[in-house]
mmCIF file of all heavy atoms, coordinates in Angstrom:
data_MODEL
# 
_entry.id   MODEL 
# 
loop_
_atom_site.group_PDB 
_atom_site.id 
_atom_site.type_symbol 
_atom_site.label_atom_id 
_atom_site.label_alt_id 
_atom_site.label_comp_id 
_atom_site.label_asym_id 
_atom_site.label_entity_id 
_atom_site.label_seq_id 
_atom_site.pdbx_PDB_ins_code 
_atom_site.Cartn_x 
_atom_site.Cartn_y 
_atom_site.Cartn_z 
_atom_site.occupancy 
_atom_site.B_iso_or_equiv 
_atom_site.pdbx_formal_charge 
_atom_site.auth_seq_id 
_atom_site.auth_comp_id 
_atom_site.auth_asym_id 
_atom_site.auth_atom_id 
_atom_site.pdbx_PDB_model_num 
ATOM 1   N N   . SER A 1 1  ? -3.879  3.060   4.379   1.00 0.00 ? 1  SER A N   1 
ATOM 2   C CA  . SER A 1 1  ? -4.967  2.142   4.719   1.00 0.00 ? 1  SER A CA  1 
ATOM 3   C C   . SER A 1 1  ? -5.865  2.011   3.496   1.00 0.00 ? 1  SER A C   1 
ATOM 4   O O   . SER A 1 1  ? -6.619  2.931   3.174   1.00 0.00 ? 1  SER A O   1 
ATOM 5   C CB  . SER A 1 1  ? -5.754  2.686   5.920   1.00 0.00 ? 1  SER A CB  1 
ATOM 6   O OG  . SER A 1 1  ? -6.910  1.924   6.172   1.00 0.00 ? 1  SER A OG  1 
ATOM 7   N N   . THR A 1 2  ? -5.800  0.875   2.805   1.00 0.00 ? 2  THR A N   1 
ATOM 8   C CA  . THR A 1 2  ? -6.438  0.760   1.495   1.00 0.00 ? 2  THR A CA  1 
ATOM 9   C C   . THR A 1 2  ? -7.866  0.230   1.576   1.00 0.00 ? 2  THR A C   1 
ATOM 10  O O   . THR A 1 2  ? -8.222  -0.515  2.490   1.00 0.00 ? 2  THR A O   1 
ATOM 11  C CB  . THR A 1 2  ? -5.612  -0.130  0.564   1.00 0.00 ? 2  THR A CB  1 
ATOM 12  O OG1 . THR A 1 2  ? -5.533  -1.452  1.118   1.00 0.00 ? 2  THR A OG1 1 
ATOM 13  C CG2 . THR A 1 2  ? -4.224  0.427   0.379   1.00 0.00 ? 2  THR A CG2 1 
ATOM 14  N N   . SER A 1 3  ? -8.658  0.598   0.550   1.00 0.00 ? 3  SER A N   1 
ATOM 15  C CA  . SER A 1 3  ? -10.086 0.280   0.565   1.00 0.00 ? 3  SER A CA  1 
ATOM 16  C C   . SER A 1 3  ? -10.507 -0.802  -0.413  1.00 0.00 ? 3  SER A C   1 
ATOM 17  O O   . SER A 1 3  ? -11.583 -1.378  -0.248  1.00 0.00 ? 3  SER A O   1 
ATOM 18  C CB  . SER A 1 3  ? -10.902 1.545   0.278   1.00 0.00 ? 3  SER A CB  1 
ATOM 19  O OG  . SER A 1 3  ? -10.587 2.069   -1.007  1.00 0.00 ? 3  SER A OG  1 
ATOM 20  N N   . ASP A 1 4  ? -9.716  -1.070  -1.444  1.00 0.00 ? 4  ASP A N   1 
ATOM 21  C CA  . ASP A 1 4  ? -10.122 -2.104  -2.401  1.00 0.00 ? 4  ASP A CA  1 
ATOM 22  C C   . ASP A 1 4  ? -8.919  -2.689  -3.128  1.00 0.00 ? 4  ASP A C   1 
ATOM 23  O O   . ASP A 1 4  ? -7.762  -2.303  -2.870  1.00 0.00 ? 4  ASP A O   1 
ATOM 24  C CB  . ASP A 1 4  ? -11.181 -1.560  -3.371  1.00 0.00 ? 4  ASP A CB  1 
ATOM 25  C CG  . ASP A 1 4  ? -10.594 -0.836  -4.590  1.00 0.00 ? 4  ASP A CG  1 
ATOM 26  O OD1 . ASP A 1 4  ? -9.459  -0.312  -4.500  1.00 0.00 ? 4  ASP A OD1 1 
ATOM 27  O OD2 . ASP A 1 4  ? -11.273 -0.787  -5.634  1.00 0.00 ? 4  ASP A OD2 1 
ATOM 28  N N   . ASP A 1 5  ? -9.205  -3.584  -4.045  1.00 0.00 ? 5  ASP A N   1 
ATOM 29  C CA  . ASP A 1 5  ? -8.169  -4.293  -4.803  1.00 0.00 ? 5  ASP A CA  1 
ATOM 30  C C   . ASP A 1 5  ? -7.292  -3.343  -5.622  1.00 0.00 ? 5  ASP A C   1 
ATOM 31  O O   . ASP A 1 5  ? -6.062  -3.392  -5.551  1.00 0.00 ? 5  ASP A O   1 
ATOM 32  C CB  . ASP A 1 5  ? -8.860  -5.310  -5.723  1.00 0.00 ? 5  ASP A CB  1 
ATOM 33  C CG  . ASP A 1 5  ? -7.914  -5.964  -6.707  1.00 0.00 ? 5  ASP A CG  1 
ATOM 34  O OD1 . ASP A 1 5  ? -7.029  -6.702  -6.266  1.00 0.00 ? 5  ASP A OD1 1 
ATOM 35  O OD2 . ASP A 1 5  ? -8.062  -5.726  -7.926  1.00 0.00 ? 5  ASP A OD2 1 
ATOM 36  N N   . THR A 1 6  ? -7.923  -2.471  -6.392  1.00 0.00 ? 6  THR A N   1 
ATOM 37  C CA  . THR A 1 6  ? -7.184  -1.546  -7.255  1.00 0.00 ? 6  THR A CA  1 
ATOM 38  C C   . THR A 1 6  ? -6.258  -0.660  -6.438  1.00 0.00 ? 6  THR A C   1 
ATOM 39  O O   . THR A 1 6  ? -5.081  -0.474  -6.779  1.00 0.00 ? 6  THR A O   1 
ATOM 40  C CB  . THR A 1 6  ? -8.167  -0.660  -8.058  1.00 0.00 ? 6  THR A CB  1 
ATOM 41  O OG1 . THR A 1 6  ? -9.080  -1.502  -8.761  1.00 0.00 ? 6  THR A OG1 1 
ATOM 42  C CG2 . THR A 1 6  ? -7.431  0.232   -9.042  1.00 0.00 ? 6  THR A CG2 1 
ATOM 43  N N   . GLN A 1 7  ? -6.797  -0.112  -5.367  1.00 0.00 ? 7  GLN A N   1 
ATOM 44  C CA  . GLN A 1 7  ? -6.014  0.800   -4.537  1.00 0.00 ? 7  GLN A CA  1 
ATOM 45  C C   . GLN A 1 7  ? -4.860  0.090   -3.832  1.00 0.00 ? 7  GLN A C   1 
ATOM 46  O O   . GLN A 1 7  ? -3.765  0.648   -3.684  1.00 0.00 ? 7  GLN A O   1 
ATOM 47  C CB  . GLN A 1 7  ? -6.930  1.459   -3.505  1.00 0.00 ? 7  GLN A CB  1 
ATOM 48  C CG  . GLN A 1 7  ? -6.330  2.665   -2.813  1.00 0.00 ? 7  GLN A CG  1 
ATOM 49  C CD  . GLN A 1 7  ? -7.328  3.291   -1.870  1.00 0.00 ? 7  GLN A CD  1 
ATOM 50  O OE1 . GLN A 1 7  ? -7.475  2.867   -0.726  1.00 0.00 ? 7  GLN A OE1 1 
ATOM 51  N NE2 . GLN A 1 7  ? -8.053  4.301   -2.351  1.00 0.00 ? 7  GLN A NE2 1 
ATOM 52  N N   . THR A 1 8  ? -5.089  -1.147  -3.424  1.00 0.00 ? 8  THR A N   1 
ATOM 53  C CA  . THR A 1 8  ? -4.039  -1.903  -2.736  1.00 0.00 ? 8  THR A CA  1 
ATOM 54  C C   . THR A 1 8  ? -2.869  -2.185  -3.666  1.00 0.00 ? 8  THR A C   1 
ATOM 55  O O   . THR A 1 8  ? -1.700  -2.041  -3.279  1.00 0.00 ? 8  THR A O   1 
ATOM 56  C CB  . THR A 1 8  ? -4.596  -3.219  -2.172  1.00 0.00 ? 8  THR A CB  1 
ATOM 57  O OG1 . THR A 1 8  ? -5.658  -2.924  -1.257  1.00 0.00 ? 8  THR A OG1 1 
ATOM 58  C CG2 . THR A 1 8  ? -3.510  -4.007  -1.445  1.00 0.00 ? 8  THR A CG2 1 
ATOM 59  N N   . ARG A 1 9  ? -3.172  -2.582  -4.892  1.00 0.00 ? 9  ARG A N   1 
ATOM 60  C CA  . ARG A 1 9  ? -2.093  -2.857  -5.841  1.00 0.00 ? 9  ARG A CA  1 
ATOM 61  C C   . ARG A 1 9  ? -1.273  -1.603  -6.124  1.00 0.00 ? 9  ARG A C   1 
ATOM 62  O O   . ARG A 1 9  ? -0.044  -1.655  -6.228  1.00 0.00 ? 9  ARG A O   1 
ATOM 63  C CB  . ARG A 1 9  ? -2.678  -3.445  -7.127  1.00 0.00 ? 9  ARG A CB  1 
ATOM 64  C CG  . ARG A 1 9  ? -3.126  -4.886  -6.933  1.00 0.00 ? 9  ARG A CG  1 
ATOM 65  C CD  . ARG A 1 9  ? -3.571  -5.574  -8.209  1.00 0.00 ? 9  ARG A CD  1 
ATOM 66  N NE  . ARG A 1 9  ? -4.962  -5.255  -8.559  1.00 0.00 ? 9  ARG A NE  1 
ATOM 67  C CZ  . ARG A 1 9  ? -5.325  -4.515  -9.589  1.00 0.00 ? 9  ARG A CZ  1 
ATOM 68  N NH1 . ARG A 1 9  ? -4.403  -3.992  -10.384 1.00 0.00 ? 9  ARG A NH1 1 
ATOM 69  N NH2 . ARG A 1 9  ? -6.593  -4.283  -9.834  1.00 0.00 ? 9  ARG A NH2 1 
ATOM 70  N N   . TRP A 1 10 ? -1.957  -0.454  -6.208  1.00 0.00 ? 10 TRP A N   1 
ATOM 71  C CA  . TRP A 1 10 ? -1.243  0.817   -6.364  1.00 0.00 ? 10 TRP A CA  1 
ATOM 72  C C   . TRP A 1 10 ? -0.376  1.094   -5.139  1.00 0.00 ? 10 TRP A C   1 
ATOM 73  O O   . TRP A 1 10 ? 0.789   1.499   -5.262  1.00 0.00 ? 10 TRP A O   1 
ATOM 74  C CB  . TRP A 1 10 ? -2.248  1.968   -6.549  1.00 0.00 ? 10 TRP A CB  1 
ATOM 75  C CG  . TRP A 1 10 ? -1.667  3.299   -6.212  1.00 0.00 ? 10 TRP A CG  1 
ATOM 76  C CD1 . TRP A 1 10 ? -0.853  4.069   -6.989  1.00 0.00 ? 10 TRP A CD1 1 
ATOM 77  C CD2 . TRP A 1 10 ? -1.811  4.003   -4.969  1.00 0.00 ? 10 TRP A CD2 1 
ATOM 78  N NE1 . TRP A 1 10 ? -0.499  5.213   -6.314  1.00 0.00 ? 10 TRP A NE1 1 
ATOM 79  C CE2 . TRP A 1 10 ? -1.067  5.189   -5.076  1.00 0.00 ? 10 TRP A CE2 1 
ATOM 80  C CE3 . TRP A 1 10 ? -2.506  3.744   -3.782  1.00 0.00 ? 10 TRP A CE3 1 
ATOM 81  C CZ2 . TRP A 1 10 ? -0.998  6.124   -4.025  1.00 0.00 ? 10 TRP A CZ2 1 
ATOM 82  C CZ3 . TRP A 1 10 ? -2.434  4.656   -2.747  1.00 0.00 ? 10 TRP A CZ3 1 
ATOM 83  C CH2 . TRP A 1 10 ? -1.684  5.827   -2.880  1.00 0.00 ? 10 TRP A CH2 1 
ATOM 84  N N   . ALA A 1 11 ? -0.937  0.891   -3.952  1.00 0.00 ? 11 ALA A N   1 
ATOM 85  C CA  . ALA A 1 11 ? -0.230  1.224   -2.714  1.00 0.00 ? 11 ALA A CA  1 
ATOM 86  C C   . ALA A 1 11 ? 1.051   0.409   -2.541  1.00 0.00 ? 11 ALA A C   1 
ATOM 87  O O   . ALA A 1 11 ? 2.073   0.936   -2.084  1.00 0.00 ? 11 ALA A O   1 
ATOM 88  C CB  . ALA A 1 11 ? -1.149  1.009   -1.512  1.00 0.00 ? 11 ALA A CB  1 
ATOM 89  N N   . ILE A 1 12 ? 1.009   -0.857  -2.911  1.00 0.00 ? 12 ILE A N   1 
ATOM 90  C CA  . ILE A 1 12 ? 2.198   -1.706  -2.760  1.00 0.00 ? 12 ILE A CA  1 
ATOM 91  C C   . ILE A 1 12 ? 3.303   -1.252  -3.708  1.00 0.00 ? 12 ILE A C   1 
ATOM 92  O O   . ILE A 1 12 ? 4.482   -1.167  -3.331  1.00 0.00 ? 12 ILE A O   1 
ATOM 93  C CB  . ILE A 1 12 ? 1.843   -3.189  -2.985  1.00 0.00 ? 12 ILE A CB  1 
ATOM 94  C CG1 . ILE A 1 12 ? 0.794   -3.658  -1.956  1.00 0.00 ? 12 ILE A CG1 1 
ATOM 95  C CG2 . ILE A 1 12 ? 3.088   -4.056  -2.916  1.00 0.00 ? 12 ILE A CG2 1 
ATOM 96  C CD1 . ILE A 1 12 ? 1.119   -3.315  -0.511  1.00 0.00 ? 12 ILE A CD1 1 
ATOM 97  N N   . GLU A 1 13 ? 2.922   -0.919  -4.919  1.00 0.00 ? 13 GLU A N   1 
ATOM 98  C CA  . GLU A 1 13 ? 3.924   -0.411  -5.859  1.00 0.00 ? 13 GLU A CA  1 
ATOM 99  C C   . GLU A 1 13 ? 4.484   0.931   -5.386  1.00 0.00 ? 13 GLU A C   1 
ATOM 100 O O   . GLU A 1 13 ? 5.695   1.170   -5.443  1.00 0.00 ? 13 GLU A O   1 
ATOM 101 C CB  . GLU A 1 13 ? 3.307   -0.251  -7.253  1.00 0.00 ? 13 GLU A CB  1 
ATOM 102 C CG  . GLU A 1 13 ? 4.329   0.202   -8.293  1.00 0.00 ? 13 GLU A CG  1 
ATOM 103 C CD  . GLU A 1 13 ? 3.791   0.189   -9.705  1.00 0.00 ? 13 GLU A CD  1 
ATOM 104 O OE1 . GLU A 1 13 ? 2.676   -0.316  -9.926  1.00 0.00 ? 13 GLU A OE1 1 
ATOM 105 O OE2 . GLU A 1 13 ? 4.512   0.675   -10.601 1.00 0.00 ? 13 GLU A OE2 1 
ATOM 106 N N   . GLU A 1 14 ? 3.610   1.798   -4.889  1.00 0.00 ? 14 GLU A N   1 
ATOM 107 C CA  . GLU A 1 14 ? 4.044   3.116   -4.417  1.00 0.00 ? 14 GLU A CA  1 
ATOM 108 C C   . GLU A 1 14 ? 4.945   2.991   -3.195  1.00 0.00 ? 14 GLU A C   1 
ATOM 109 O O   . GLU A 1 14 ? 5.930   3.713   -3.056  1.00 0.00 ? 14 GLU A O   1 
ATOM 110 C CB  . GLU A 1 14 ? 2.816   3.972   -4.079  1.00 0.00 ? 14 GLU A CB  1 
ATOM 111 C CG  . GLU A 1 14 ? 3.088   5.458   -3.974  1.00 0.00 ? 14 GLU A CG  1 
ATOM 112 C CD  . GLU A 1 14 ? 3.528   6.081   -5.278  1.00 0.00 ? 14 GLU A CD  1 
ATOM 113 O OE1 . GLU A 1 14 ? 3.158   5.579   -6.361  1.00 0.00 ? 14 GLU A OE1 1 
ATOM 114 O OE2 . GLU A 1 14 ? 4.259   7.087   -5.222  1.00 0.00 ? 14 GLU A OE2 1 
ATOM 115 N N   . ALA A 1 15 ? 4.607   2.063   -2.315  1.00 0.00 ? 15 ALA A N   1 
ATOM 116 C CA  . ALA A 1 15 ? 5.427   1.851   -1.113  1.00 0.00 ? 15 ALA A CA  1 
ATOM 117 C C   . ALA A 1 15 ? 6.847   1.463   -1.484  1.00 0.00 ? 15 ALA A C   1 
ATOM 118 O O   . ALA A 1 15 ? 7.812   1.865   -0.823  1.00 0.00 ? 15 ALA A O   1 
ATOM 119 C CB  . ALA A 1 15 ? 4.797   0.770   -0.238  1.00 0.00 ? 15 ALA A CB  1 
ATOM 120 N N   . SER A 1 16 ? 6.993   0.692   -2.561  1.00 0.00 ? 16 SER A N   1 
ATOM 121 C CA  . SER A 1 16 ? 8.330   0.256   -2.986  1.00 0.00 ? 16 SER A CA  1 
ATOM 122 C C   . SER A 1 16 ? 9.177   1.423   -3.488  1.00 0.00 ? 16 SER A C   1 
ATOM 123 O O   . SER A 1 16 ? 10.408  1.340   -3.495  1.00 0.00 ? 16 SER A O   1 
ATOM 124 C CB  . SER A 1 16 ? 8.216   -0.807  -4.082  1.00 0.00 ? 16 SER A CB  1 
ATOM 125 O OG  . SER A 1 16 ? 7.792   -0.241  -5.311  1.00 0.00 ? 16 SER A OG  1 
ATOM 126 N N   . LYS A 1 17 ? 8.522   2.510   -3.903  1.00 0.00 ? 17 LYS A N   1 
ATOM 127 C CA  . LYS A 1 17 ? 9.244   3.671   -4.444  1.00 0.00 ? 17 LYS A CA  1 
ATOM 128 C C   . LYS A 1 17 ? 9.643   4.666   -3.358  1.00 0.00 ? 17 LYS A C   1 
ATOM 129 O O   . LYS A 1 17 ? 10.552  5.476   -3.554  1.00 0.00 ? 17 LYS A O   1 
ATOM 130 C CB  . LYS A 1 17 ? 8.373   4.390   -5.469  1.00 0.00 ? 17 LYS A CB  1 
ATOM 131 C CG  . LYS A 1 17 ? 7.988   3.552   -6.674  1.00 0.00 ? 17 LYS A CG  1 
ATOM 132 C CD  . LYS A 1 17 ? 6.998   4.304   -7.553  1.00 0.00 ? 17 LYS A CD  1 
ATOM 133 C CE  . LYS A 1 17 ? 6.496   3.465   -8.698  1.00 0.00 ? 17 LYS A CE  1 
ATOM 134 N NZ  . LYS A 1 17 ? 5.439   4.174   -9.478  1.00 0.00 ? 17 LYS A NZ  1 
ATOM 135 N N   . ILE A 1 18 ? 8.934   4.639   -2.228  1.00 0.00 ? 18 ILE A N   1 
ATOM 136 C CA  . ILE A 1 18 ? 9.220   5.578   -1.137  1.00 0.00 ? 18 ILE A CA  1 
ATOM 137 C C   . ILE A 1 18 ? 10.492  5.141   -0.421  1.00 0.00 ? 18 ILE A C   1 
ATOM 138 O O   . ILE A 1 18 ? 10.648  3.964   -0.079  1.00 0.00 ? 18 ILE A O   1 
ATOM 139 C CB  . ILE A 1 18 ? 8.047   5.621   -0.138  1.00 0.00 ? 18 ILE A CB  1 
ATOM 140 C CG1 . ILE A 1 18 ? 6.787   6.177   -0.808  1.00 0.00 ? 18 ILE A CG1 1 
ATOM 141 C CG2 . ILE A 1 18 ? 8.401   6.457   1.101   1.00 0.00 ? 18 ILE A CG2 1 
ATOM 142 C CD1 . ILE A 1 18 ? 5.533   6.050   0.032   1.00 0.00 ? 18 ILE A CD1 1 
ATOM 143 N N   . GLU A 1 19 ? 11.399  6.061   -0.194  1.00 0.00 ? 19 GLU A N   1 
ATOM 144 C CA  . GLU A 1 19 ? 12.629  5.753   0.539   1.00 0.00 ? 19 GLU A CA  1 
ATOM 145 C C   . GLU A 1 19 ? 12.360  5.996   2.015   1.00 0.00 ? 19 GLU A C   1 
ATOM 146 O O   . GLU A 1 19 ? 12.313  7.130   2.478   1.00 0.00 ? 19 GLU A O   1 
ATOM 147 C CB  . GLU A 1 19 ? 13.779  6.633   0.048   1.00 0.00 ? 19 GLU A CB  1 
ATOM 148 C CG  . GLU A 1 19 ? 15.144  6.268   0.642   1.00 0.00 ? 19 GLU A CG  1 
ATOM 149 C CD  . GLU A 1 19 ? 15.626  4.876   0.248   1.00 0.00 ? 19 GLU A CD  1 
ATOM 150 O OE1 . GLU A 1 19 ? 15.343  4.442   -0.894  1.00 0.00 ? 19 GLU A OE1 1 
ATOM 151 O OE2 . GLU A 1 19 ? 16.294  4.228   1.083   1.00 0.00 ? 19 GLU A OE2 1 
ATOM 152 N N   . GLY A 1 20 ? 12.152  4.922   2.767   1.00 0.00 ? 20 GLY A N   1 
ATOM 153 C CA  . GLY A 1 20 ? 11.868  5.065   4.183   1.00 0.00 ? 20 GLY A CA  1 
ATOM 154 C C   . GLY A 1 20 ? 10.752  4.140   4.628   1.00 0.00 ? 20 GLY A C   1 
ATOM 155 O O   . GLY A 1 20 ? 10.172  3.401   3.822   1.00 0.00 ? 20 GLY A O   1 
ATOM 156 N N   . PRO A 1 21 ? 10.418  4.155   5.909   1.00 0.00 ? 21 PRO A N   1 
ATOM 157 C CA  . PRO A 1 21 ? 9.428   3.235   6.461   1.00 0.00 ? 21 PRO A CA  1 
ATOM 158 C C   . PRO A 1 21 ? 8.015   3.515   5.950   1.00 0.00 ? 21 PRO A C   1 
ATOM 159 O O   . PRO A 1 21 ? 7.603   4.668   5.819   1.00 0.00 ? 21 PRO A O   1 
ATOM 160 C CB  . PRO A 1 21 ? 9.503   3.504   7.969   1.00 0.00 ? 21 PRO A CB  1 
ATOM 161 C CG  . PRO A 1 21 ? 10.772  4.264   8.200   1.00 0.00 ? 21 PRO A CG  1 
ATOM 162 C CD  . PRO A 1 21 ? 11.032  5.015   6.944   1.00 0.00 ? 21 PRO A CD  1 
ATOM 163 N N   . VAL A 1 22 ? 7.283   2.438   5.680   1.00 0.00 ? 22 VAL A N   1 
ATOM 164 C CA  . VAL A 1 22 ? 5.882   2.536   5.281   1.00 0.00 ? 22 VAL A CA  1 
ATOM 165 C C   . VAL A 1 22 ? 5.086   1.473   6.035   1.00 0.00 ? 22 VAL A C   1 
ATOM 166 O O   . VAL A 1 22 ? 5.530   0.322   6.145   1.00 0.00 ? 22 VAL A O   1 
ATOM 167 C CB  . VAL A 1 22 ? 5.690   2.328   3.762   1.00 0.00 ? 22 VAL A CB  1 
ATOM 168 C CG1 . VAL A 1 22 ? 4.205   2.437   3.392   1.00 0.00 ? 22 VAL A CG1 1 
ATOM 169 C CG2 . VAL A 1 22 ? 6.513   3.325   2.962   1.00 0.00 ? 22 VAL A CG2 1 
ATOM 170 N N   . TYR A 1 23 ? 3.925   1.860   6.545   1.00 0.00 ? 23 TYR A N   1 
ATOM 171 C CA  . TYR A 1 23 ? 2.996   0.908   7.159   1.00 0.00 ? 23 TYR A CA  1 
ATOM 172 C C   . TYR A 1 23 ? 1.756   0.852   6.288   1.00 0.00 ? 23 TYR A C   1 
ATOM 173 O O   . TYR A 1 23 ? 1.121   1.870   6.032   1.00 0.00 ? 23 TYR A O   1 
ATOM 174 C CB  . TYR A 1 23 ? 2.612   1.346   8.579   1.00 0.00 ? 23 TYR A CB  1 
ATOM 175 C CG  . TYR A 1 23 ? 1.661   0.392   9.284   1.00 0.00 ? 23 TYR A CG  1 
ATOM 176 C CD1 . TYR A 1 23 ? 2.143   -0.764  9.888   1.00 0.00 ? 23 TYR A CD1 1 
ATOM 177 C CD2 . TYR A 1 23 ? 0.292   0.649   9.356   1.00 0.00 ? 23 TYR A CD2 1 
ATOM 178 C CE1 . TYR A 1 23 ? 1.291   -1.646  10.538  1.00 0.00 ? 23 TYR A CE1 1 
ATOM 179 C CE2 . TYR A 1 23 ? -0.573  -0.230  9.998   1.00 0.00 ? 23 TYR A CE2 1 
ATOM 180 C CZ  . TYR A 1 23 ? -0.065  -1.370  10.598  1.00 0.00 ? 23 TYR A CZ  1 
ATOM 181 O OH  . TYR A 1 23 ? -0.915  -2.248  11.238  1.00 0.00 ? 23 TYR A OH  1 
ATOM 182 N N   . VAL A 1 24 ? 1.414   -0.341  5.805   1.00 0.00 ? 24 VAL A N   1 
ATOM 183 C CA  . VAL A 1 24 ? 0.216   -0.534  4.981   1.00 0.00 ? 24 VAL A CA  1 
ATOM 184 C C   . VAL A 1 24 ? -0.747  -1.420  5.754   1.00 0.00 ? 24 VAL A C   1 
ATOM 185 O O   . VAL A 1 24 ? -0.416  -2.549  6.125   1.00 0.00 ? 24 VAL A O   1 
ATOM 186 C CB  . VAL A 1 24 ? 0.545   -1.175  3.619   1.00 0.00 ? 24 VAL A CB  1 
ATOM 187 C CG1 . VAL A 1 24 ? -0.735  -1.303  2.782   1.00 0.00 ? 24 VAL A CG1 1 
ATOM 188 C CG2 . VAL A 1 24 ? 1.592   -0.358  2.869   1.00 0.00 ? 24 VAL A CG2 1 
ATOM 189 N N   . ARG A 1 25 ? -1.950  -0.898  5.988   1.00 0.00 ? 25 ARG A N   1 
ATOM 190 C CA  . ARG A 1 25 ? -2.975  -1.630  6.752   1.00 0.00 ? 25 ARG A CA  1 
ATOM 191 C C   . ARG A 1 25 ? -3.889  -2.381  5.782   1.00 0.00 ? 25 ARG A C   1 
ATOM 192 O O   . ARG A 1 25 ? -4.497  -1.797  4.902   1.00 0.00 ? 25 ARG A O   1 
ATOM 193 C CB  . ARG A 1 25 ? -3.789  -0.640  7.584   1.00 0.00 ? 25 ARG A CB  1 
ATOM 194 C CG  . ARG A 1 25 ? -4.754  -1.281  8.571   1.00 0.00 ? 25 ARG A CG  1 
ATOM 195 C CD  . ARG A 1 25 ? -5.531  -0.196  9.310   1.00 0.00 ? 25 ARG A CD  1 
ATOM 196 N NE  . ARG A 1 25 ? -5.901  -0.609  10.643  1.00 0.00 ? 25 ARG A NE  1 
ATOM 197 C CZ  . ARG A 1 25 ? -7.160  -0.734  11.063  1.00 0.00 ? 25 ARG A CZ  1 
ATOM 198 N NH1 . ARG A 1 25 ? -8.159  -0.497  10.245  1.00 0.00 ? 25 ARG A NH1 1 
ATOM 199 N NH2 . ARG A 1 25 ? -7.414  -1.105  12.305  1.00 0.00 ? 25 ARG A NH2 1 
ATOM 200 N N   . LEU A 1 26 ? -4.016  -3.688  5.990   1.00 0.00 ? 26 LEU A N   1 
ATOM 201 C CA  . LEU A 1 26 ? -4.797  -4.550  5.103   1.00 0.00 ? 26 LEU A CA  1 
ATOM 202 C C   . LEU A 1 26 ? -5.825  -5.349  5.897   1.00 0.00 ? 26 LEU A C   1 
ATOM 203 O O   . LEU A 1 26 ? -5.642  -5.609  7.092   1.00 0.00 ? 26 LEU A O   1 
ATOM 204 C CB  . LEU A 1 26 ? -3.866  -5.501  4.351   1.00 0.00 ? 26 LEU A CB  1 
ATOM 205 C CG  . LEU A 1 26 ? -2.774  -4.820  3.513   1.00 0.00 ? 26 LEU A CG  1 
ATOM 206 C CD1 . LEU A 1 26 ? -1.685  -5.815  3.145   1.00 0.00 ? 26 LEU A CD1 1 
ATOM 207 C CD2 . LEU A 1 26 ? -3.369  -4.186  2.269   1.00 0.00 ? 26 LEU A CD2 1 
ATOM 208 N N   . ALA A 1 27 ? -6.901  -5.756  5.231   1.00 0.00 ? 27 ALA A N   1 
ATOM 209 C CA  . ALA A 1 27 ? -8.002  -6.421  5.916   1.00 0.00 ? 27 ALA A CA  1 
ATOM 210 C C   . ALA A 1 27 ? -8.085  -7.903  5.589   1.00 0.00 ? 27 ALA A C   1 
ATOM 211 O O   . ALA A 1 27 ? -7.607  -8.364  4.555   1.00 0.00 ? 27 ALA A O   1 
ATOM 212 C CB  . ALA A 1 27 ? -9.321  -5.743  5.541   1.00 0.00 ? 27 ALA A CB  1 
ATOM 213 N N   . ARG A 1 28 ? -8.730  -8.631  6.472   1.00 0.00 ? 28 ARG A N   1 
ATOM 214 C CA  . ARG A 1 28 ? -9.048  -10.039 6.214   1.00 0.00 ? 28 ARG A CA  1 
ATOM 215 C C   . ARG A 1 28 ? -10.290 -10.160 5.333   1.00 0.00 ? 28 ARG A C   1 
ATOM 216 O O   . ARG A 1 28 ? -10.370 -11.017 4.461   1.00 0.00 ? 28 ARG A O   1 
ATOM 217 C CB  . ARG A 1 28 ? -9.313  -10.737 7.554   1.00 0.00 ? 28 ARG A CB  1 
ATOM 218 C CG  . ARG A 1 28 ? -9.778  -12.181 7.417   1.00 0.00 ? 28 ARG A CG  1 
ATOM 219 C CD  . ARG A 1 28 ? -10.215 -12.724 8.762   1.00 0.00 ? 28 ARG A CD  1 
ATOM 220 N NE  . ARG A 1 28 ? -10.450 -14.162 8.714   1.00 0.00 ? 28 ARG A NE  1 
ATOM 221 C CZ  . ARG A 1 28 ? -10.869 -14.870 9.747   1.00 0.00 ? 28 ARG A CZ  1 
ATOM 222 N NH1 . ARG A 1 28 ? -11.095 -14.278 10.909  1.00 0.00 ? 28 ARG A NH1 1 
ATOM 223 N NH2 . ARG A 1 28 ? -11.064 -16.162 9.633   1.00 0.00 ? 28 ARG A NH2 1 
# 
């Protein structure tokens, strides 16, 4: 569950490296 722009960009890249299901919560 990300808090800002920098962290979200990191999280998406990190999610691509994890082998298995990932849920990323994003805000409007």
